[in-house]
Amino acid sequence: LVVIGDPVSLSVLVANRDPVLLSVLVANRDPVPLSVLVANRDPVPFSVLVANRDPVPLSVLVANRDPVPFSVLVANKDPVPLSVLVANRDPVPFSVLVANRDPVHLSVLGANRDPVPFSVLVANRDPVPLSVLVANRDPVPFSVLVANKDPVPFSVLVANKDPVPFSVLVANKDPVPLSVLVANRDPVPFSVLVANRDQVPCVIQH
């Protein structure tokens, strides 16, 4: 068949008992159905899969030796497992991660260029480092800061919209400025005021 000068139609190739080489399929003018590609012994390059009109199942993409571009994964109807996303060289957009059923590891989120929404961080099983929280544009709720193993710097606490409880301020290694203590709704214990470097104003009760 290869020696023949005329183009070989797929109906002839499929009816043929011998396996069909990809070089023949690619040189063919007709689009190659996946049933033929999957039944073929050679690995299927993405240039053929992408040019194909049929959707490419993940079983074919995963079995393929070439890396899977996201344009193919996103266009795919099946959910994309993280093992495929992590092995991919391109950065993983959050729209794909959020739509994924598996939990998202921080190693993937940290390597991502997009900001990480808290809904993803909170739903994550791993502890969230402050470097990720600080780099995030959204305000950090105290429930996340308190649950974090790292100490919380004041720059994060002050920038937070919620009031800072004393349990967090006292446990913090940095000194607590009076502006923060006064602005706090809880009463200020003297042990905190005395340990504070700023001068303590006198309040005279009549």
C-alpha atoms as a PDB file:
ATOM      1  CA  LEU A   1       0.000   0.000   0.000  1.00  0.00           C
ATOM      2  CA  VAL A   2       2.820   2.398   0.806  1.00  0.00           C
ATOM      3  CA  VAL A   3       4.380   1.910  -2.638  1.00  0.00           C
ATOM      4  CA  ILE A   4       1.190   2.933  -4.404  1.00  0.00           C
ATOM      5  CA  GLY A   5       1.308   6.530  -5.616  1.00  0.00           C
ATOM      6  CA  ASP A   6      -2.355   7.267  -4.939  1.00  0.00           C
ATOM      7  CA  PRO A   7      -3.475   8.307  -1.429  1.00  0.00           C
ATOM      8  CA  VAL A   8      -4.804   5.394   0.623  1.00  0.00           C
ATOM      9  CA  SER A   9      -8.309   5.815   1.996  1.00  0.00           C
ATOM     10  CA  LEU A  10      -8.975   4.801   5.607  1.00  0.00           C
ATOM     11  CA  SER A  11     -11.563   2.280   4.509  1.00  0.00           C
ATOM     12  CA  VAL A  12      -8.766   0.387   2.761  1.00  0.00           C
ATOM     13  CA  LEU A  13      -6.341   0.759   5.683  1.00  0.00           C
ATOM     14  CA  VAL A  14      -8.886  -0.414   8.247  1.00  0.00           C
ATOM     15  CA  ALA A  15      -9.912  -3.372   6.080  1.00  0.00           C
ATOM     16  CA  ASN A  16      -6.271  -4.349   5.829  1.00  0.00           C
ATOM     17  CA  ARG A  17      -5.090  -7.141   8.084  1.00  0.00           C
ATOM     18  CA  ASP A  18      -1.625  -5.657   8.705  1.00  0.00           C
ATOM     19  CA  PRO A  19      -1.200  -2.981  11.401  1.00  0.00           C
ATOM     20  CA  VAL A  20      -1.312   0.552   9.980  1.00  0.00           C
ATOM     21  CA  LEU A  21       1.857   2.610  10.472  1.00  0.00           C
ATOM     22  CA  LEU A  22       1.420   6.164  11.722  1.00  0.00           C
ATOM     23  CA  SER A  23       3.548   7.474   8.894  1.00  0.00           C
ATOM     24  CA  VAL A  24       0.830   6.230   6.552  1.00  0.00           C
ATOM     25  CA  LEU A  25      -1.982   7.616   8.690  1.00  0.00           C
ATOM     26  CA  VAL A  26      -0.353  11.041   8.976  1.00  0.00           C
ATOM     27  CA  ALA A  27       0.301  11.190   5.249  1.00  0.00           C
ATOM     28  CA  ASN A  28      -3.348  10.369   4.690  1.00  0.00           C
ATOM     29  CA  ARG A  29      -5.653  13.240   3.827  1.00  0.00           C
ATOM     30  CA  ASP A  30      -8.648  11.894   5.721  1.00  0.00           C
ATOM     31  CA  PRO A  31      -8.941  12.464   9.480  1.00  0.00           C
ATOM     32  CA  VAL A  32      -7.836   9.453  11.524  1.00  0.00           C
ATOM     33  CA  PRO A  33     -10.457   8.146  13.998  1.00  0.00           C
ATOM     34  CA  LEU A  34      -9.253   7.302  17.511  1.00  0.00           C
ATOM     35  CA  SER A  35     -10.387   3.716  17.136  1.00  0.00           C
ATOM     36  CA  VAL A  36      -7.634   3.301  14.558  1.00  0.00           C
ATOM     37  CA  LEU A  37      -5.039   5.220  16.577  1.00  0.00           C
ATOM     38  CA  VAL A  38      -5.743   3.299  19.772  1.00  0.00           C
ATOM     39  CA  ALA A  39      -5.622  -0.030  17.975  1.00  0.00           C
ATOM     40  CA  ASN A  40      -2.246   0.938  16.555  1.00  0.00           C
ATOM     41  CA  ARG A  41       0.858  -0.482  18.183  1.00  0.00           C
ATOM     42  CA  ASP A  42       2.984   2.677  17.857  1.00  0.00           C
ATOM     43  CA  PRO A  43       2.589   5.530  20.373  1.00  0.00           C
ATOM     44  CA  VAL A  44       0.348   8.313  19.087  1.00  0.00           C
ATOM     45  CA  PRO A  45       2.022  11.742  18.875  1.00  0.00           C
ATOM     46  CA  PHE A  46      -0.019  14.737  20.065  1.00  0.00           C
ATOM     47  CA  SER A  47       0.197  16.412  16.709  1.00  0.00           C
ATOM     48  CA  VAL A  48      -2.037  13.611  15.439  1.00  0.00           C
ATOM     49  CA  LEU A  49      -4.310  13.597  18.492  1.00  0.00           C
ATOM     50  CA  VAL A  50      -4.795  17.366  18.469  1.00  0.00           C
ATOM     51  CA  ALA A  51      -5.497  17.402  14.752  1.00  0.00           C
ATOM     52  CA  ASN A  52      -8.109  14.722  15.335  1.00  0.00           C
ATOM     53  CA  ARG A  53     -11.722  15.817  15.530  1.00  0.00           C
ATOM     54  CA  ASP A  54     -12.748  13.280  18.160  1.00  0.00           C
ATOM     55  CA  PRO A  55     -12.163  14.013  21.892  1.00  0.00           C
ATOM     56  CA  VAL A  56      -9.051  12.319  23.241  1.00  0.00           C
ATOM     57  CA  PRO A  57      -9.658  10.106  26.316  1.00  0.00           C
ATOM     58  CA  LEU A  58      -7.185  10.408  29.190  1.00  0.00           C
ATOM     59  CA  SER A  59      -6.236   6.762  28.870  1.00  0.00           C
ATOM     60  CA  VAL A  60      -4.655   7.646  25.535  1.00  0.00           C
ATOM     61  CA  LEU A  61      -3.080  10.876  26.817  1.00  0.00           C
ATOM     62  CA  VAL A  62      -1.587   9.229  29.901  1.00  0.00           C
ATOM     63  CA  ALA A  63      -0.226   6.299  27.891  1.00  0.00           C
ATOM     64  CA  ASN A  64       1.423   8.775  25.559  1.00  0.00           C
ATOM     65  CA  ARG A  65       5.099   9.517  26.041  1.00  0.00           C
ATOM     66  CA  ASP A  66       4.886  13.219  25.168  1.00  0.00           C
ATOM     67  CA  PRO A  67       3.860  15.785  27.814  1.00  0.00           C
ATOM     68  CA  VAL A  68       0.176  16.716  27.693  1.00  0.00           C
ATOM     69  CA  PRO A  69      -0.538  20.401  26.990  1.00  0.00           C
ATOM     70  CA  PHE A  70      -3.309  21.972  29.072  1.00  0.00           C
ATOM     71  CA  SER A  71      -5.207  22.996  25.975  1.00  0.00           C
ATOM     72  CA  VAL A  72      -5.775  19.281  25.380  1.00  0.00           C
ATOM     73  CA  LEU A  73      -6.483  18.455  29.040  1.00  0.00           C
ATOM     74  CA  VAL A  74      -8.969  21.309  29.492  1.00  0.00           C
ATOM     75  CA  ALA A  75     -10.738  20.442  26.253  1.00  0.00           C
ATOM     76  CA  ASN A  76     -11.029  16.870  27.477  1.00  0.00           C
ATOM     77  CA  LYS A  77     -14.356  15.791  28.945  1.00  0.00           C
ATOM     78  CA  ASP A  78     -12.818  13.486  31.581  1.00  0.00           C
ATOM     79  CA  PRO A  79     -11.550  14.916  34.905  1.00  0.00           C
ATOM     80  CA  VAL A  80      -7.770  15.391  34.934  1.00  0.00           C
ATOM     81  CA  PRO A  81      -5.976  13.585  37.807  1.00  0.00           C
ATOM     82  CA  LEU A  82      -3.257  15.515  39.662  1.00  0.00           C
ATOM     83  CA  SER A  83      -0.653  12.925  38.700  1.00  0.00           C
ATOM     84  CA  VAL A  84      -1.058  14.143  35.105  1.00  0.00           C
ATOM     85  CA  LEU A  85      -1.125  17.827  36.086  1.00  0.00           C
ATOM     86  CA  VAL A  86       1.975  17.557  38.275  1.00  0.00           C
ATOM     87  CA  ALA A  87       3.891  15.647  35.615  1.00  0.00           C
ATOM     88  CA  ASN A  88       3.006  18.372  33.153  1.00  0.00           C
ATOM     89  CA  ARG A  89       5.608  21.000  32.400  1.00  0.00           C
ATOM     90  CA  ASP A  90       3.144  23.882  32.026  1.00  0.00           C
ATOM     91  CA  PRO A  91       1.850  25.760  35.119  1.00  0.00           C
ATOM     92  CA  VAL A  92      -1.527  24.524  36.326  1.00  0.00           C
ATOM     93  CA  PRO A  93      -4.299  27.151  36.301  1.00  0.00           C
ATOM     94  CA  PHE A  94      -6.573  27.216  39.350  1.00  0.00           C
ATOM     95  CA  SER A  95      -9.647  26.730  37.224  1.00  0.00           C
ATOM     96  CA  VAL A  96      -8.317  23.241  36.494  1.00  0.00           C
ATOM     97  CA  LEU A  97      -7.183  22.576  40.082  1.00  0.00           C
ATOM     98  CA  VAL A  98     -10.456  23.718  41.626  1.00  0.00           C
ATOM     99  CA  ALA A  99     -12.466  21.657  39.176  1.00  0.00           C
ATOM    100  CA  ASN A 100     -10.338  18.643  40.079  1.00  0.00           C
ATOM    101  CA  ARG A 101     -11.725  16.184  42.600  1.00  0.00           C
ATOM    102  CA  ASP A 102      -8.371  15.340  44.216  1.00  0.00           C
ATOM    103  CA  PRO A 103      -6.942  17.544  47.004  1.00  0.00           C
ATOM    104  CA  VAL A 104      -4.373  20.060  45.734  1.00  0.00           C
ATOM    105  CA  HIS A 105      -0.899  19.815  47.290  1.00  0.00           C
ATOM    106  CA  LEU A 106       0.855  23.024  48.314  1.00  0.00           C
ATOM    107  CA  SER A 107       3.847  22.080  46.196  1.00  0.00           C
ATOM    108  CA  VAL A 108       1.579  22.542  43.185  1.00  0.00           C
ATOM    109  CA  LEU A 109      -0.015  25.729  44.542  1.00  0.00           C
ATOM    110  CA  GLY A 110       3.341  27.268  45.456  1.00  0.00           C
ATOM    111  CA  ALA A 111       4.765  26.584  42.019  1.00  0.00           C
ATOM    112  CA  ASN A 112       1.711  28.201  40.498  1.00  0.00           C
ATOM    113  CA  ARG A 113       1.973  31.771  39.252  1.00  0.00           C
ATOM    114  CA  ASP A 114      -1.608  32.724  40.064  1.00  0.00           C
ATOM    115  CA  PRO A 115      -2.624  33.893  43.560  1.00  0.00           C
ATOM    116  CA  VAL A 116      -4.040  31.117  45.719  1.00  0.00           C
ATOM    117  CA  PRO A 117      -7.618  31.697  46.947  1.00  0.00           C
ATOM    118  CA  PHE A 118      -8.257  30.810  50.592  1.00  0.00           C
ATOM    119  CA  SER A 119     -11.051  28.451  49.698  1.00  0.00           C
ATOM    120  CA  VAL A 120      -8.374  26.239  48.132  1.00  0.00           C
ATOM    121  CA  LEU A 121      -5.865  26.729  50.971  1.00  0.00           C
ATOM    122  CA  VAL A 122      -8.385  26.019  53.723  1.00  0.00           C
ATOM    123  CA  ALA A 123      -9.631  22.917  51.932  1.00  0.00           C
ATOM    124  CA  ASN A 124      -6.041  21.699  51.665  1.00  0.00           C
ATOM    125  CA  ARG A 125      -4.842  19.078  54.120  1.00  0.00           C
ATOM    126  CA  ASP A 126      -1.280  20.390  54.375  1.00  0.00           C
ATOM    127  CA  PRO A 127      -0.470  23.332  56.695  1.00  0.00           C
ATOM    128  CA  VAL A 128      -0.308  26.641  54.831  1.00  0.00           C
ATOM    129  CA  PRO A 129       3.034  28.464  55.183  1.00  0.00           C
ATOM    130  CA  LEU A 130       2.903  32.217  55.852  1.00  0.00           C
ATOM    131  CA  SER A 131       4.902  32.922  52.719  1.00  0.00           C
ATOM    132  CA  VAL A 132       1.882  31.717  50.750  1.00  0.00           C
ATOM    133  CA  LEU A 133      -0.611  33.567  52.960  1.00  0.00           C
ATOM    134  CA  VAL A 134       1.313  36.852  52.844  1.00  0.00           C
ATOM    135  CA  ALA A 135       1.727  36.640  49.083  1.00  0.00           C
ATOM    136  CA  ASN A 136      -2.014  36.184  48.815  1.00  0.00           C
ATOM    137  CA  ARG A 137      -4.111  39.212  47.953  1.00  0.00           C
ATOM    138  CA  ASP A 138      -7.103  38.227  50.062  1.00  0.00           C
ATOM    139  CA  PRO A 139      -7.200  39.061  53.808  1.00  0.00           C
ATOM    140  CA  VAL A 140      -6.073  36.208  56.037  1.00  0.00           C
ATOM    141  CA  PRO A 141      -8.705  35.033  58.560  1.00  0.00           C
ATOM    142  CA  PHE A 142      -7.424  34.363  62.081  1.00  0.00           C
ATOM    143  CA  SER A 143      -8.660  30.815  62.022  1.00  0.00           C
ATOM    144  CA  VAL A 144      -6.019  30.165  59.343  1.00  0.00           C
ATOM    145  CA  LEU A 145      -3.300  32.195  61.098  1.00  0.00           C
ATOM    146  CA  VAL A 146      -3.875  30.554  64.489  1.00  0.00           C
ATOM    147  CA  ALA A 147      -3.929  27.080  62.941  1.00  0.00           C
ATOM    148  CA  ASN A 148      -0.636  27.859  61.252  1.00  0.00           C
ATOM    149  CA  LYS A 149       2.534  26.500  62.866  1.00  0.00           C
ATOM    150  CA  ASP A 150       4.685  29.524  61.979  1.00  0.00           C
ATOM    151  CA  PRO A 151       4.601  32.669  64.179  1.00  0.00           C
ATOM    152  CA  VAL A 152       2.384  35.437  62.781  1.00  0.00           C
ATOM    153  CA  PRO A 153       4.193  38.744  62.160  1.00  0.00           C
ATOM    154  CA  PHE A 154       2.383  41.968  63.097  1.00  0.00           C
ATOM    155  CA  SER A 155       2.485  43.227  59.560  1.00  0.00           C
ATOM    156  CA  VAL A 156       0.042  40.425  58.749  1.00  0.00           C
ATOM    157  CA  LEU A 157      -2.044  40.907  61.904  1.00  0.00           C
ATOM    158  CA  VAL A 158      -2.328  44.687  61.508  1.00  0.00           C
ATOM    159  CA  ALA A 159      -3.209  44.372  57.827  1.00  0.00           C
ATOM    160  CA  ASN A 160      -5.980  41.975  58.802  1.00  0.00           C
ATOM    161  CA  LYS A 161      -9.498  43.355  59.025  1.00  0.00           C
ATOM    162  CA  ASP A 162     -10.515  41.229  62.017  1.00  0.00           C
ATOM    163  CA  PRO A 163      -9.638  42.348  65.581  1.00  0.00           C
ATOM    164  CA  VAL A 164      -6.551  40.641  67.006  1.00  0.00           C
ATOM    165  CA  PRO A 165      -7.234  38.531  70.129  1.00  0.00           C
ATOM    166  CA  PHE A 166      -4.670  38.808  72.933  1.00  0.00           C
ATOM    167  CA  SER A 167      -3.913  35.110  72.837  1.00  0.00           C
ATOM    168  CA  VAL A 168      -2.417  35.712  69.413  1.00  0.00           C
ATOM    169  CA  LEU A 169      -0.651  38.943  70.412  1.00  0.00           C
ATOM    170  CA  VAL A 170       0.881  37.457  73.555  1.00  0.00           C
ATOM    171  CA  ALA A 171       2.018  34.331  71.741  1.00  0.00           C
ATOM    172  CA  ASN A 172       3.693  36.501  69.141  1.00  0.00           C
ATOM    173  CA  LYS A 173       7.439  37.081  69.432  1.00  0.00           C
ATOM    174  CA  ASP A 174       7.313  40.716  68.325  1.00  0.00           C
ATOM    175  CA  PRO A 175       6.470  43.477  70.879  1.00  0.00           C
ATOM    176  CA  VAL A 176       2.857  44.651  70.773  1.00  0.00           C
ATOM    177  CA  PRO A 177       2.465  48.376  69.984  1.00  0.00           C
ATOM    178  CA  LEU A 178      -0.044  50.266  72.127  1.00  0.00           C
ATOM    179  CA  SER A 179      -1.938  51.409  69.078  1.00  0.00           C
ATOM    180  CA  VAL A 180      -2.850  47.803  68.484  1.00  0.00           C
ATOM    181  CA  LEU A 181      -3.621  47.096  72.144  1.00  0.00           C
ATOM    182  CA  VAL A 182      -5.809  50.172  72.540  1.00  0.00           C
ATOM    183  CA  ALA A 183      -7.647  49.455  69.322  1.00  0.00           C
ATOM    184  CA  ASN A 184      -8.356  45.969  70.599  1.00  0.00           C
ATOM    185  CA  ARG A 185     -11.751  45.288  72.132  1.00  0.00           C
ATOM    186  CA  ASP A 186     -10.407  43.095  74.954  1.00  0.00           C
ATOM    187  CA  PRO A 187      -9.054  44.660  78.159  1.00  0.00           C
ATOM    188  CA  VAL A 188      -5.247  44.943  78.241  1.00  0.00           C
ATOM    189  CA  PRO A 189      -3.575  42.964  81.055  1.00  0.00           C
ATOM    190  CA  PHE A 190      -0.742  44.794  82.884  1.00  0.00           C
ATOM    191  CA  SER A 191       1.700  41.998  82.176  1.00  0.00           C
ATOM    192  CA  VAL A 192       1.393  42.921  78.517  1.00  0.00           C
ATOM    193  CA  LEU A 193       1.600  46.678  79.171  1.00  0.00           C
ATOM    194  CA  VAL A 194       4.656  46.360  81.388  1.00  0.00           C
ATOM    195  CA  ALA A 195       6.407  44.099  78.922  1.00  0.00           C
ATOM    196  CA  ASN A 196       5.665  46.636  76.199  1.00  0.00           C
ATOM    197  CA  ARG A 197       8.465  48.945  75.145  1.00  0.00           C
ATOM    198  CA  ASP A 198       6.194  51.963  74.678  1.00  0.00           C
ATOM    199  CA  GLN A 199       5.289  54.204  77.585  1.00  0.00           C
ATOM    200  CA  VAL A 200       2.059  53.275  79.321  1.00  0.00           C
ATOM    201  CA  PRO A 201      -0.346  56.224  79.655  1.00  0.00           C
ATOM    202  CA  CYS A 202      -1.959  56.710  83.042  1.00  0.00           C
ATOM    203  CA  VAL A 203      -5.722  56.390  83.304  1.00  0.00           C
ATOM    204  CA  ILE A 204      -7.099  58.007  86.522  1.00  0.00           C
ATOM    205  CA  GLN A 205     -10.478  56.774  87.641  1.00  0.00           C
ATOM    206  CA  HIS A 206     -12.533  59.125  89.837  1.00  0.00           C
END
